[in-house]
Amino acid sequence: MLLGPCYDADLAKDPFSVWYATGFKNYKTDSCFCDSIRPVIGDFTFQIFFGTWCGDSKREVPRMLKVLFQSGYDQKDISLVAVSNTDSLYKQSPGHEERGLNIHRVPTLIVRKGGAETGRIVESPIESIEKDLWKILMNRPYKPNYSTN
């Protein structure tokens, strides 16, 4: 299990590469939405909380990263934080990077502009990662899964 801040290169190593490489390779991005995102994506920062033990994270994180990379975002600028599934640290990282961010389900992709959160994708997208991300980046109405607002 990975815990705390990490990089996509960590996911490309065993034992995580089994699901990461396959998920990344097999996901077909919507190039129209990736092209639409490309001109504005550099104005935003992205933080993904996930668990290497979590089925939803294993499915969605490779897809999220592929969309960000295909949209021209620099992979070294993506903040990945792996959380635990143990009773004492459930959905927490050793450094508690999740503190105050309302991380109740993983994966959670948080989008920020100028340090302020502009949106998030929680557990899975509503339409697709590309379409949901486009709505967030273009400041269109978007309500993630499990939203109480």
C-alpha atoms as a PDB file:
ATOM      1  CA  MET A   1       0.000   0.000   0.000  1.00  0.00           C
ATOM      2  CA  LEU A   2       1.273   3.455  -0.873  1.00  0.00           C
ATOM      3  CA  LEU A   3       0.725   6.120   1.787  1.00  0.00           C
ATOM      4  CA  GLY A   4       1.117   9.887   1.653  1.00  0.00           C
ATOM      5  CA  PRO A   5       2.346  12.079  -1.204  1.00  0.00           C
ATOM      6  CA  CYS A   6       3.522  10.113  -4.226  1.00  0.00           C
ATOM      7  CA  TYR A   7       3.980  10.338  -7.987  1.00  0.00           C
ATOM      8  CA  ASP A   8       2.528   8.581 -11.004  1.00  0.00           C
ATOM      9  CA  ALA A   9       5.937   6.901 -11.354  1.00  0.00           C
ATOM     10  CA  ASP A  10       5.251   5.160  -8.028  1.00  0.00           C
ATOM     11  CA  LEU A  11       2.050   3.733  -9.487  1.00  0.00           C
ATOM     12  CA  ALA A  12       3.989   2.476 -12.497  1.00  0.00           C
ATOM     13  CA  LYS A  13       5.991   0.154 -10.204  1.00  0.00           C
ATOM     14  CA  ASP A  14       4.936  -3.270  -8.959  1.00  0.00           C
ATOM     15  CA  PRO A  15       2.565  -4.219  -7.475  1.00  0.00           C
ATOM     16  CA  PHE A  16       0.515  -1.164  -8.520  1.00  0.00           C
ATOM     17  CA  SER A  17       1.546  -1.326 -12.174  1.00  0.00           C
ATOM     18  CA  VAL A  18      -0.771  -4.288 -12.682  1.00  0.00           C
ATOM     19  CA  TRP A  19      -3.857  -2.088 -12.440  1.00  0.00           C
ATOM     20  CA  TYR A  20      -2.317   1.334 -13.174  1.00  0.00           C
ATOM     21  CA  ALA A  21      -0.617   0.531 -16.487  1.00  0.00           C
ATOM     22  CA  THR A  22      -3.591  -1.453 -17.765  1.00  0.00           C
ATOM     23  CA  GLY A  23      -6.112   1.212 -16.763  1.00  0.00           C
ATOM     24  CA  PHE A  24      -4.005   3.991 -18.261  1.00  0.00           C
ATOM     25  CA  LYS A  25      -3.369   2.154 -21.525  1.00  0.00           C
ATOM     26  CA  ASN A  26      -6.945   0.950 -22.026  1.00  0.00           C
ATOM     27  CA  TYR A  27      -8.743   4.232 -21.307  1.00  0.00           C
ATOM     28  CA  LYS A  28      -9.703   6.049 -24.490  1.00  0.00           C
ATOM     29  CA  THR A  29      -9.808   9.771 -23.842  1.00  0.00           C
ATOM     30  CA  ASP A  30     -12.290  12.084 -25.527  1.00  0.00           C
ATOM     31  CA  SER A  31      -9.797  14.110 -27.558  1.00  0.00           C
ATOM     32  CA  CYS A  32     -12.310  16.911 -28.271  1.00  0.00           C
ATOM     33  CA  PHE A  33     -12.730  17.638 -24.567  1.00  0.00           C
ATOM     34  CA  CYS A  34      -8.997  17.230 -23.899  1.00  0.00           C
ATOM     35  CA  ASP A  35      -8.314  19.776 -26.660  1.00  0.00           C
ATOM     36  CA  SER A  36     -10.930  22.139 -25.166  1.00  0.00           C
ATOM     37  CA  ILE A  37      -9.330  21.866 -21.738  1.00  0.00           C
ATOM     38  CA  ARG A  38      -5.747  22.377 -22.988  1.00  0.00           C
ATOM     39  CA  PRO A  39      -5.796  26.229 -23.281  1.00  0.00           C
ATOM     40  CA  VAL A  40      -6.951  26.783 -19.677  1.00  0.00           C
ATOM     41  CA  ILE A  41      -5.608  23.803 -17.743  1.00  0.00           C
ATOM     42  CA  GLY A  42      -2.373  25.546 -16.773  1.00  0.00           C
ATOM     43  CA  ASP A  43      -4.338  28.043 -14.653  1.00  0.00           C
ATOM     44  CA  PHE A  44      -5.396  25.247 -12.275  1.00  0.00           C
ATOM     45  CA  THR A  45      -3.839  22.834  -9.807  1.00  0.00           C
ATOM     46  CA  PHE A  46      -4.976  19.278  -9.179  1.00  0.00           C
ATOM     47  CA  GLN A  47      -4.815  17.101  -6.097  1.00  0.00           C
ATOM     48  CA  ILE A  48      -5.982  13.493  -6.104  1.00  0.00           C
ATOM     49  CA  PHE A  49      -6.648  11.548  -2.906  1.00  0.00           C
ATOM     50  CA  PHE A  50      -6.852   7.809  -3.515  1.00  0.00           C
ATOM     51  CA  GLY A  51      -6.215   4.392  -2.050  1.00  0.00           C
ATOM     52  CA  THR A  52      -4.111   1.707  -3.691  1.00  0.00           C
ATOM     53  CA  TRP A  53      -6.472  -0.731  -1.927  1.00  0.00           C
ATOM     54  CA  CYS A  54      -9.647   0.852  -3.359  1.00  0.00           C
ATOM     55  CA  GLY A  55     -11.393  -0.556  -6.436  1.00  0.00           C
ATOM     56  CA  ASP A  56     -12.751   2.849  -7.480  1.00  0.00           C
ATOM     57  CA  SER A  57      -9.261   4.369  -7.208  1.00  0.00           C
ATOM     58  CA  LYS A  58      -7.754   1.536  -9.225  1.00  0.00           C
ATOM     59  CA  ARG A  59     -10.293   2.208 -11.981  1.00  0.00           C
ATOM     60  CA  GLU A  60     -10.467   6.031 -11.931  1.00  0.00           C
ATOM     61  CA  VAL A  61      -6.970   7.280 -11.020  1.00  0.00           C
ATOM     62  CA  PRO A  62      -5.299   5.952 -14.198  1.00  0.00           C
ATOM     63  CA  ARG A  63      -8.128   7.536 -16.194  1.00  0.00           C
ATOM     64  CA  MET A  64      -7.900  10.864 -14.337  1.00  0.00           C
ATOM     65  CA  LEU A  65      -4.162  11.039 -14.884  1.00  0.00           C
ATOM     66  CA  LYS A  66      -4.439  10.109 -18.553  1.00  0.00           C
ATOM     67  CA  VAL A  67      -6.993  12.889 -19.142  1.00  0.00           C
ATOM     68  CA  LEU A  68      -4.797  15.438 -17.359  1.00  0.00           C
ATOM     69  CA  PHE A  69      -1.703  14.361 -19.308  1.00  0.00           C
ATOM     70  CA  GLN A  70      -3.586  14.280 -22.645  1.00  0.00           C
ATOM     71  CA  SER A  71      -4.855  17.795 -21.884  1.00  0.00           C
ATOM     72  CA  GLY A  72      -1.301  19.051 -21.590  1.00  0.00           C
ATOM     73  CA  TYR A  73      -0.957  19.224 -17.816  1.00  0.00           C
ATOM     74  CA  ASP A  74       2.555  18.595 -16.533  1.00  0.00           C
ATOM     75  CA  GLN A  75       2.564  15.351 -14.563  1.00  0.00           C
ATOM     76  CA  LYS A  76       5.093  16.674 -12.045  1.00  0.00           C
ATOM     77  CA  ASP A  77       2.560  19.335 -10.996  1.00  0.00           C
ATOM     78  CA  ILE A  78      -0.172  16.878 -10.000  1.00  0.00           C
ATOM     79  CA  SER A  79      -0.382  16.249  -6.284  1.00  0.00           C
ATOM     80  CA  LEU A  80      -1.192  12.601  -5.543  1.00  0.00           C
ATOM     81  CA  VAL A  81      -1.899  11.582  -1.951  1.00  0.00           C
ATOM     82  CA  ALA A  82      -2.422   7.940  -1.046  1.00  0.00           C
ATOM     83  CA  VAL A  83      -4.604   7.258   1.992  1.00  0.00           C
ATOM     84  CA  SER A  84      -4.888   4.261   4.260  1.00  0.00           C
ATOM     85  CA  ASN A  85      -7.673   1.752   4.831  1.00  0.00           C
ATOM     86  CA  THR A  86      -6.608   0.735   8.334  1.00  0.00           C
ATOM     87  CA  ASP A  87      -8.954   1.406  11.243  1.00  0.00           C
ATOM     88  CA  SER A  88      -6.646   3.972  12.848  1.00  0.00           C
ATOM     89  CA  LEU A  89      -5.955   5.937   9.622  1.00  0.00           C
ATOM     90  CA  TYR A  90      -9.044   5.225   7.511  1.00  0.00           C
ATOM     91  CA  LYS A  91      -8.955   7.524   4.452  1.00  0.00           C
ATOM     92  CA  GLN A  92      -6.106   9.473   6.008  1.00  0.00           C
ATOM     93  CA  SER A  93      -2.474   9.887   5.043  1.00  0.00           C
ATOM     94  CA  PRO A  94       0.397   9.793   7.544  1.00  0.00           C
ATOM     95  CA  GLY A  95       0.955  13.561   7.064  1.00  0.00           C
ATOM     96  CA  HIS A  96      -2.797  14.284   7.171  1.00  0.00           C
ATOM     97  CA  GLU A  97      -2.813  16.183   3.878  1.00  0.00           C
ATOM     98  CA  GLU A  98      -6.562  15.416   3.774  1.00  0.00           C
ATOM     99  CA  ARG A  99      -7.273  17.400   6.962  1.00  0.00           C
ATOM    100  CA  GLY A 100     -10.034  19.955   6.449  1.00  0.00           C
ATOM    101  CA  LEU A 101     -10.741  18.844   2.876  1.00  0.00           C
ATOM    102  CA  ASN A 102     -13.778  16.612   3.501  1.00  0.00           C
ATOM    103  CA  ILE A 103     -12.310  13.501   1.948  1.00  0.00           C
ATOM    104  CA  HIS A 104     -14.963  10.865   2.627  1.00  0.00           C
ATOM    105  CA  ARG A 105     -14.720   8.828  -0.583  1.00  0.00           C
ATOM    106  CA  VAL A 106     -11.814   8.010  -2.836  1.00  0.00           C
ATOM    107  CA  PRO A 107     -10.689   8.831  -5.314  1.00  0.00           C
ATOM    108  CA  THR A 108     -11.361  12.538  -4.916  1.00  0.00           C
ATOM    109  CA  LEU A 109      -9.859  14.904  -7.484  1.00  0.00           C
ATOM    110  CA  ILE A 110      -9.786  18.481  -6.183  1.00  0.00           C
ATOM    111  CA  VAL A 111      -9.435  21.315  -8.702  1.00  0.00           C
ATOM    112  CA  ARG A 112      -8.100  24.684  -7.516  1.00  0.00           C
ATOM    113  CA  LYS A 113      -7.490  28.043  -9.135  1.00  0.00           C
ATOM    114  CA  GLY A 114      -5.416  30.593  -7.265  1.00  0.00           C
ATOM    115  CA  GLY A 115      -5.491  28.299  -4.238  1.00  0.00           C
ATOM    116  CA  ALA A 116      -9.300  28.251  -4.001  1.00  0.00           C
ATOM    117  CA  GLU A 117     -11.229  25.069  -4.727  1.00  0.00           C
ATOM    118  CA  THR A 118     -13.325  25.409  -7.881  1.00  0.00           C
ATOM    119  CA  GLY A 119     -14.676  21.864  -7.972  1.00  0.00           C
ATOM    120  CA  ARG A 120     -14.060  18.189  -7.379  1.00  0.00           C
ATOM    121  CA  ILE A 121     -14.812  14.805  -8.854  1.00  0.00           C
ATOM    122  CA  VAL A 122     -15.737  12.369  -6.095  1.00  0.00           C
ATOM    123  CA  GLU A 123     -15.321   8.614  -6.510  1.00  0.00           C
ATOM    124  CA  SER A 124     -16.412   8.559 -10.158  1.00  0.00           C
ATOM    125  CA  PRO A 125     -17.443  11.149 -12.746  1.00  0.00           C
ATOM    126  CA  ILE A 126     -21.049  12.115 -13.414  1.00  0.00           C
ATOM    127  CA  GLU A 127     -20.694  11.984 -17.239  1.00  0.00           C
ATOM    128  CA  SER A 128     -17.017  11.331 -17.969  1.00  0.00           C
ATOM    129  CA  ILE A 129     -13.785  12.624 -16.500  1.00  0.00           C
ATOM    130  CA  GLU A 130     -13.253  14.832 -19.554  1.00  0.00           C
ATOM    131  CA  LYS A 131     -16.778  16.335 -19.528  1.00  0.00           C
ATOM    132  CA  ASP A 132     -16.878  16.782 -15.754  1.00  0.00           C
ATOM    133  CA  LEU A 133     -13.435  18.379 -15.721  1.00  0.00           C
ATOM    134  CA  TRP A 134     -14.388  20.660 -18.613  1.00  0.00           C
ATOM    135  CA  LYS A 135     -17.434  21.882 -16.652  1.00  0.00           C
ATOM    136  CA  ILE A 136     -15.307  22.588 -13.585  1.00  0.00           C
ATOM    137  CA  LEU A 137     -12.571  24.396 -15.541  1.00  0.00           C
ATOM    138  CA  MET A 138     -15.075  26.433 -17.563  1.00  0.00           C
ATOM    139  CA  ASN A 139     -17.017  27.337 -14.395  1.00  0.00           C
ATOM    140  CA  ARG A 140     -20.155  25.619 -15.650  1.00  0.00           C
ATOM    141  CA  PRO A 141     -22.731  24.197 -13.213  1.00  0.00           C
ATOM    142  CA  TYR A 142     -21.401  20.935 -11.823  1.00  0.00           C
ATOM    143  CA  LYS A 143     -22.451  18.872  -8.832  1.00  0.00           C
ATOM    144  CA  PRO A 144     -20.212  15.906  -7.918  1.00  0.00           C
ATOM    145  CA  ASN A 145     -21.395  12.594  -6.535  1.00  0.00           C
ATOM    146  CA  TYR A 146     -22.470  12.724  -2.866  1.00  0.00           C
ATOM    147  CA  SER A 147     -22.792  16.510  -2.889  1.00  0.00           C
ATOM    148  CA  THR A 148     -25.092  17.926  -0.244  1.00  0.00           C
ATOM    149  CA  ASN A 149     -25.344  21.344  -1.894  1.00  0.00           C
END
